[in-house]
Amino acid sequence: MAHEVELQTAGNMWKVMVKPGDYVKSGDTLFIMEVMKMEVPHEAPIDGTISAVNVNEGEEGLDAGMVAVVID
């Protein structure tokens, strides 16, 4: 069953650390956002394989609730 990782807050994408096909473990950092000049890491909630990455490094003006990564 696919698990969608949503952005927790609005901001800019600073660094994407995964790509489709990567295996992640719960707690691994998927990406880091820049929110009000602070780095906010988003972690994998489950173990699995990345099936989609819907964000790119340097993207600005992302909205909270957007599906950033899908883990199968």
PDB file of N, CA and C in Angstrom:
ATOM      1  N   MET A   1       0.838  -1.184   0.000  1.00  0.00           N
ATOM      2  CA  MET A   1       0.000   0.000   0.000  1.00  0.00           C
ATOM      3  C   MET A   1       0.880   1.245   0.000  1.00  0.00           C
ATOM      4  N   ALA A   2       0.592   2.165  -0.885  1.00  0.00           N
ATOM      5  CA  ALA A   2       1.390   3.390  -1.003  1.00  0.00           C
ATOM      6  C   ALA A   2       1.111   4.331   0.166  1.00  0.00           C
ATOM      7  N   HIS A   3       2.161   4.996   0.619  1.00  0.00           N
ATOM      8  CA  HIS A   3       2.041   5.996   1.684  1.00  0.00           C
ATOM      9  C   HIS A   3       2.503   7.334   1.114  1.00  0.00           C
ATOM     10  N   GLU A   4       1.624   8.326   1.170  1.00  0.00           N
ATOM     11  CA  GLU A   4       1.954   9.657   0.654  1.00  0.00           C
ATOM     12  C   GLU A   4       2.518  10.521   1.767  1.00  0.00           C
ATOM     13  N   VAL A   5       3.684  11.110   1.509  1.00  0.00           N
ATOM     14  CA  VAL A   5       4.317  12.017   2.469  1.00  0.00           C
ATOM     15  C   VAL A   5       3.991  13.435   2.011  1.00  0.00           C
ATOM     16  N   GLU A   6       3.213  14.144   2.828  1.00  0.00           N
ATOM     17  CA  GLU A   6       2.784  15.500   2.490  1.00  0.00           C
ATOM     18  C   GLU A   6       3.691  16.537   3.153  1.00  0.00           C
ATOM     19  N   LEU A   7       3.742  17.719   2.536  1.00  0.00           N
ATOM     20  CA  LEU A   7       4.476  18.831   3.149  1.00  0.00           C
ATOM     21  C   LEU A   7       3.730  19.264   4.395  1.00  0.00           C
ATOM     22  N   GLN A   8       4.450  19.425   5.489  1.00  0.00           N
ATOM     23  CA  GLN A   8       3.838  19.792   6.762  1.00  0.00           C
ATOM     24  C   GLN A   8       3.576  21.294   6.857  1.00  0.00           C
ATOM     25  N   THR A   9       4.282  22.062   6.051  1.00  0.00           N
ATOM     26  CA  THR A   9       4.147  23.513   6.081  1.00  0.00           C
ATOM     27  C   THR A   9       4.514  24.079   4.720  1.00  0.00           C
ATOM     28  N   ALA A  10       4.095  25.288   4.449  1.00  0.00           N
ATOM     29  CA  ALA A  10       4.466  25.952   3.199  1.00  0.00           C
ATOM     30  C   ALA A  10       5.922  26.394   3.285  1.00  0.00           C
ATOM     31  N   GLY A  11       6.592  26.449   2.133  1.00  0.00           N
ATOM     32  CA  GLY A  11       7.981  26.886   2.120  1.00  0.00           C
ATOM     33  C   GLY A  11       8.657  26.568   0.809  1.00  0.00           C
ATOM     34  N   ASN A  12       9.978  26.577   0.832  1.00  0.00           N
ATOM     35  CA  ASN A  12      10.790  26.309  -0.355  1.00  0.00           C
ATOM     36  C   ASN A  12      11.551  24.998  -0.171  1.00  0.00           C
ATOM     37  N   MET A  13      11.771  24.298  -1.279  1.00  0.00           N
ATOM     38  CA  MET A  13      12.488  23.031  -1.217  1.00  0.00           C
ATOM     39  C   MET A  13      13.983  23.309  -1.295  1.00  0.00           C
ATOM     40  N   TRP A  14      14.703  22.969  -0.232  1.00  0.00           N
ATOM     41  CA  TRP A  14      16.138  23.227  -0.181  1.00  0.00           C
ATOM     42  C   TRP A  14      16.914  22.045  -0.746  1.00  0.00           C
ATOM     43  N   LYS A  15      16.591  20.819  -0.287  1.00  0.00           N
ATOM     44  CA  LYS A  15      17.352  19.657  -0.719  1.00  0.00           C
ATOM     45  C   LYS A  15      16.457  18.427  -0.764  1.00  0.00           C
ATOM     46  N   VAL A  16      16.522  17.689  -1.879  1.00  0.00           N
ATOM     47  CA  VAL A  16      15.809  16.416  -2.027  1.00  0.00           C
ATOM     48  C   VAL A  16      16.856  15.319  -1.929  1.00  0.00           C
ATOM     49  N   MET A  17      16.647  14.381  -1.016  1.00  0.00           N
ATOM     50  CA  MET A  17      17.678  13.386  -0.726  1.00  0.00           C
ATOM     51  C   MET A  17      17.345  11.989  -1.244  1.00  0.00           C
ATOM     52  N   VAL A  18      16.205  11.829  -1.928  1.00  0.00           N
ATOM     53  CA  VAL A  18      15.806  10.522  -2.460  1.00  0.00           C
ATOM     54  C   VAL A  18      15.370  10.663  -3.914  1.00  0.00           C
ATOM     55  N   LYS A  19      15.323   9.512  -4.594  1.00  0.00           N
ATOM     56  CA  LYS A  19      14.826   9.466  -5.969  1.00  0.00           C
ATOM     57  C   LYS A  19      14.030   8.177  -6.114  1.00  0.00           C
ATOM     58  N   PRO A  20      13.168   8.092  -7.132  1.00  0.00           N
ATOM     59  CA  PRO A  20      12.400   6.860  -7.325  1.00  0.00           C
ATOM     60  C   PRO A  20      13.328   5.644  -7.407  1.00  0.00           C
ATOM     61  N   GLY A  21      12.916   4.578  -6.724  1.00  0.00           N
ATOM     62  CA  GLY A  21      13.710   3.357  -6.696  1.00  0.00           C
ATOM     63  C   GLY A  21      14.553   3.211  -5.442  1.00  0.00           C
ATOM     64  N   ASP A  22      14.799   4.312  -4.726  1.00  0.00           N
ATOM     65  CA  ASP A  22      15.581   4.243  -3.488  1.00  0.00           C
ATOM     66  C   ASP A  22      14.785   3.521  -2.400  1.00  0.00           C
ATOM     67  N   TYR A  23      15.478   2.721  -1.591  1.00  0.00           N
ATOM     68  CA  TYR A  23      14.862   2.084  -0.423  1.00  0.00           C
ATOM     69  C   TYR A  23      15.169   2.961   0.788  1.00  0.00           C
ATOM     70  N   VAL A  24      14.147   3.244   1.593  1.00  0.00           N
ATOM     71  CA  VAL A  24      14.328   4.050   2.801  1.00  0.00           C
ATOM     72  C   VAL A  24      13.812   3.289   4.016  1.00  0.00           C
ATOM     73  N   LYS A  25      14.369   3.635   5.151  1.00  0.00           N
ATOM     74  CA  LYS A  25      13.900   3.081   6.424  1.00  0.00           C
ATOM     75  C   LYS A  25      13.199   4.203   7.188  1.00  0.00           C
ATOM     76  N   SER A  26      12.278   3.827   8.030  1.00  0.00           N
ATOM     77  CA  SER A  26      11.568   4.802   8.854  1.00  0.00           C
ATOM     78  C   SER A  26      12.584   5.682   9.588  1.00  0.00           C
ATOM     79  N   GLY A  27      12.407   6.992   9.497  1.00  0.00           N
ATOM     80  CA  GLY A  27      13.319   7.935  10.146  1.00  0.00           C
ATOM     81  C   GLY A  27      14.368   8.517   9.224  1.00  0.00           C
ATOM     82  N   ASP A  28      14.563   7.904   8.038  1.00  0.00           N
ATOM     83  CA  ASP A  28      15.508   8.473   7.066  1.00  0.00           C
ATOM     84  C   ASP A  28      14.984   9.821   6.577  1.00  0.00           C
ATOM     85  N   THR A  29      15.872  10.776   6.359  1.00  0.00           N
ATOM     86  CA  THR A  29      15.468  12.078   5.836  1.00  0.00           C
ATOM     87  C   THR A  29      15.192  11.972   4.342  1.00  0.00           C
ATOM     88  N   LEU A  30      13.994  12.405   3.938  1.00  0.00           N
ATOM     89  CA  LEU A  30      13.590  12.369   2.536  1.00  0.00           C
ATOM     90  C   LEU A  30      13.954  13.666   1.822  1.00  0.00           C
ATOM     91  N   PHE A  31      13.689  14.793   2.493  1.00  0.00           N
ATOM     92  CA  PHE A  31      13.975  16.103   1.917  1.00  0.00           C
ATOM     93  C   PHE A  31      14.025  17.129   3.038  1.00  0.00           C
ATOM     94  N   ILE A  32      14.624  18.278   2.721  1.00  0.00           N
ATOM     95  CA  ILE A  32      14.734  19.367   3.692  1.00  0.00           C
ATOM     96  C   ILE A  32      14.146  20.621   3.060  1.00  0.00           C
ATOM     97  N   MET A  33      13.201  21.212   3.768  1.00  0.00           N
ATOM     98  CA  MET A  33      12.584  22.455   3.301  1.00  0.00           C
ATOM     99  C   MET A  33      13.216  23.643   4.019  1.00  0.00           C
ATOM    100  N   GLU A  34      13.115  24.796   3.380  1.00  0.00           N
ATOM    101  CA  GLU A  34      13.500  26.047   4.024  1.00  0.00           C
ATOM    102  C   GLU A  34      12.203  26.779   4.354  1.00  0.00           C
ATOM    103  N   VAL A  35      11.991  26.996   5.647  1.00  0.00           N
ATOM    104  CA  VAL A  35      10.784  27.656   6.121  1.00  0.00           C
ATOM    105  C   VAL A  35      11.210  28.799   7.029  1.00  0.00           C
ATOM    106  N   MET A  36      10.949  30.017   6.610  1.00  0.00           N
ATOM    107  CA  MET A  36      11.313  31.202   7.393  1.00  0.00           C
ATOM    108  C   MET A  36      12.780  31.162   7.821  1.00  0.00           C
ATOM    109  N   LYS A  37      13.671  30.863   6.850  1.00  0.00           N
ATOM    110  CA  LYS A  37      15.120  30.821   7.049  1.00  0.00           C
ATOM    111  C   LYS A  37      15.593  29.672   7.932  1.00  0.00           C
ATOM    112  N   MET A  38      14.702  28.711   8.222  1.00  0.00           N
ATOM    113  CA  MET A  38      15.075  27.544   9.019  1.00  0.00           C
ATOM    114  C   MET A  38      15.005  26.298   8.148  1.00  0.00           C
ATOM    115  N   GLU A  39      15.892  25.335   8.376  1.00  0.00           N
ATOM    116  CA  GLU A  39      15.864  24.060   7.672  1.00  0.00           C
ATOM    117  C   GLU A  39      14.933  23.111   8.414  1.00  0.00           C
ATOM    118  N   VAL A  40      13.954  22.556   7.679  1.00  0.00           N
ATOM    119  CA  VAL A  40      12.974  21.656   8.273  1.00  0.00           C
ATOM    120  C   VAL A  40      13.040  20.313   7.552  1.00  0.00           C
ATOM    121  N   PRO A  41      13.667  19.295   8.176  1.00  0.00           N
ATOM    122  CA  PRO A  41      13.744  17.979   7.527  1.00  0.00           C
ATOM    123  C   PRO A  41      12.415  17.236   7.623  1.00  0.00           C
ATOM    124  N   HIS A  42      12.101  16.464   6.595  1.00  0.00           N
ATOM    125  CA  HIS A  42      10.928  15.586   6.576  1.00  0.00           C
ATOM    126  C   HIS A  42      11.453  14.159   6.496  1.00  0.00           C
ATOM    127  N   GLU A  43      10.987  13.304   7.381  1.00  0.00           N
ATOM    128  CA  GLU A  43      11.501  11.942   7.480  1.00  0.00           C
ATOM    129  C   GLU A  43      10.496  10.918   6.969  1.00  0.00           C
ATOM    130  N   ALA A  44      11.018   9.767   6.562  1.00  0.00           N
ATOM    131  CA  ALA A  44      10.173   8.664   6.125  1.00  0.00           C
ATOM    132  C   ALA A  44       9.398   8.114   7.322  1.00  0.00           C
ATOM    133  N   PRO A  45       8.077   7.994   7.204  1.00  0.00           N
ATOM    134  CA  PRO A  45       7.289   7.451   8.309  1.00  0.00           C
ATOM    135  C   PRO A  45       7.291   5.922   8.332  1.00  0.00           C
ATOM    136  N   ILE A  46       7.683   5.289   7.215  1.00  0.00           N
ATOM    137  CA  ILE A  46       7.674   3.834   7.093  1.00  0.00           C
ATOM    138  C   ILE A  46       8.893   3.379   6.293  1.00  0.00           C
ATOM    139  N   ASP A  47       9.207   2.092   6.385  1.00  0.00           N
ATOM    140  CA  ASP A  47      10.209   1.486   5.505  1.00  0.00           C
ATOM    141  C   ASP A  47       9.551   1.242   4.149  1.00  0.00           C
ATOM    142  N   GLY A  48      10.304   1.384   3.067  1.00  0.00           N
ATOM    143  CA  GLY A  48       9.759   1.073   1.755  1.00  0.00           C
ATOM    144  C   GLY A  48      10.598   1.633   0.629  1.00  0.00           C
ATOM    145  N   THR A  49      10.074   1.495  -0.579  1.00  0.00           N
ATOM    146  CA  THR A  49      10.747   1.962  -1.783  1.00  0.00           C
ATOM    147  C   THR A  49      10.059   3.224  -2.295  1.00  0.00           C
ATOM    148  N   ILE A  50      10.857   4.221  -2.639  1.00  0.00           N
ATOM    149  CA  ILE A  50      10.317   5.474  -3.180  1.00  0.00           C
ATOM    150  C   ILE A  50       9.751   5.193  -4.572  1.00  0.00           C
ATOM    151  N   SER A  51       8.463   5.481  -4.770  1.00  0.00           N
ATOM    152  CA  SER A  51       7.853   5.266  -6.082  1.00  0.00           C
ATOM    153  C   SER A  51       7.640   6.578  -6.835  1.00  0.00           C
ATOM    154  N   ALA A  52       7.603   7.706  -6.122  1.00  0.00           N
ATOM    155  CA  ALA A  52       7.439   9.005  -6.789  1.00  0.00           C
ATOM    156  C   ALA A  52       8.033  10.114  -5.933  1.00  0.00           C
ATOM    157  N   VAL A  53       8.647  11.078  -6.612  1.00  0.00           N
ATOM    158  CA  VAL A  53       9.141  12.301  -5.969  1.00  0.00           C
ATOM    159  C   VAL A  53       8.550  13.455  -6.766  1.00  0.00           C
ATOM    160  N   ASN A  54       7.681  14.230  -6.117  1.00  0.00           N
ATOM    161  CA  ASN A  54       6.939  15.290  -6.799  1.00  0.00           C
ATOM    162  C   ASN A  54       7.476  16.685  -6.527  1.00  0.00           C
ATOM    163  N   VAL A  55       8.685  16.772  -5.963  1.00  0.00           N
ATOM    164  CA  VAL A  55       9.309  18.063  -5.658  1.00  0.00           C
ATOM    165  C   VAL A  55      10.727  18.075  -6.221  1.00  0.00           C
ATOM    166  N   ASN A  56      11.239  19.268  -6.452  1.00  0.00           N
ATOM    167  CA  ASN A  56      12.597  19.445  -6.978  1.00  0.00           C
ATOM    168  C   ASN A  56      13.353  20.437  -6.111  1.00  0.00           C
ATOM    169  N   GLU A  57      14.663  20.216  -6.002  1.00  0.00           N
ATOM    170  CA  GLU A  57      15.494  21.181  -5.270  1.00  0.00           C
ATOM    171  C   GLU A  57      15.339  22.551  -5.901  1.00  0.00           C
ATOM    172  N   GLY A  58      15.225  23.565  -5.054  1.00  0.00           N
ATOM    173  CA  GLY A  58      15.119  24.936  -5.528  1.00  0.00           C
ATOM    174  C   GLY A  58      13.700  25.400  -5.797  1.00  0.00           C
ATOM    175  N   GLU A  59      12.719  24.499  -5.736  1.00  0.00           N
ATOM    176  CA  GLU A  59      11.324  24.901  -5.949  1.00  0.00           C
ATOM    177  C   GLU A  59      10.898  25.847  -4.839  1.00  0.00           C
ATOM    178  N   GLU A  60      10.181  26.899  -5.216  1.00  0.00           N
ATOM    179  CA  GLU A  60       9.750  27.898  -4.237  1.00  0.00           C
ATOM    180  C   GLU A  60       8.237  27.977  -4.170  1.00  0.00           C
ATOM    181  N   GLY A  61       7.732  28.424  -3.039  1.00  0.00           N
ATOM    182  CA  GLY A  61       6.311  28.656  -2.876  1.00  0.00           C
ATOM    183  C   GLY A  61       5.460  27.403  -2.819  1.00  0.00           C
ATOM    184  N   LEU A  62       5.998  26.340  -2.245  1.00  0.00           N
ATOM    185  CA  LEU A  62       5.239  25.092  -2.120  1.00  0.00           C
ATOM    186  C   LEU A  62       4.220  25.224  -0.989  1.00  0.00           C
ATOM    187  N   ASP A  63       3.070  24.597  -1.173  1.00  0.00           N
ATOM    188  CA  ASP A  63       1.987  24.696  -0.201  1.00  0.00           C
ATOM    189  C   ASP A  63       1.938  23.490   0.729  1.00  0.00           C
ATOM    190  N   ALA A  64       1.544  23.734   1.977  1.00  0.00           N
ATOM    191  CA  ALA A  64       1.343  22.643   2.925  1.00  0.00           C
ATOM    192  C   ALA A  64       0.272  21.714   2.382  1.00  0.00           C
ATOM    193  N   GLY A  65       0.451  20.423   2.623  1.00  0.00           N
ATOM    194  CA  GLY A  65      -0.513  19.433   2.176  1.00  0.00           C
ATOM    195  C   GLY A  65      -0.197  18.815   0.825  1.00  0.00           C
ATOM    196  N   MET A  66       0.745  19.406   0.098  1.00  0.00           N
ATOM    197  CA  MET A  66       1.142  18.848  -1.200  1.00  0.00           C
ATOM    198  C   MET A  66       1.819  17.497  -0.978  1.00  0.00           C
ATOM    199  N   VAL A  67       1.519  16.509  -1.829  1.00  0.00           N
ATOM    200  CA  VAL A  67       2.172  15.208  -1.736  1.00  0.00           C
ATOM    201  C   VAL A  67       3.560  15.348  -2.366  1.00  0.00           C
ATOM    202  N   ALA A  68       4.587  15.213  -1.534  1.00  0.00           N
ATOM    203  CA  ALA A  68       5.960  15.410  -1.996  1.00  0.00           C
ATOM    204  C   ALA A  68       6.603  14.102  -2.435  1.00  0.00           C
ATOM    205  N   VAL A  69       6.372  13.031  -1.677  1.00  0.00           N
ATOM    206  CA  VAL A  69       7.010  11.743  -1.919  1.00  0.00           C
ATOM    207  C   VAL A  69       5.987  10.626  -1.680  1.00  0.00           C
ATOM    208  N   VAL A  70       6.059   9.587  -2.497  1.00  0.00           N
ATOM    209  CA  VAL A  70       5.215   8.407  -2.287  1.00  0.00           C
ATOM    210  C   VAL A  70       6.132   7.212  -2.020  1.00  0.00           C
ATOM    211  N   ILE A  71       5.827   6.483  -0.940  1.00  0.00           N
ATOM    212  CA  ILE A  71       6.604   5.309  -0.545  1.00  0.00           C
ATOM    213  C   ILE A  71       5.719   4.074  -0.659  1.00  0.00           C
ATOM    214  N   ASP A  72       6.216   3.049  -1.353  1.00  0.00           N
ATOM    215  CA  ASP A  72       5.489   1.766  -1.454  1.00  0.00           C
ATOM    216  C   ASP A  72       6.104   0.755  -0.522  1.00  0.00           C
TER     217      ASP A  72
END
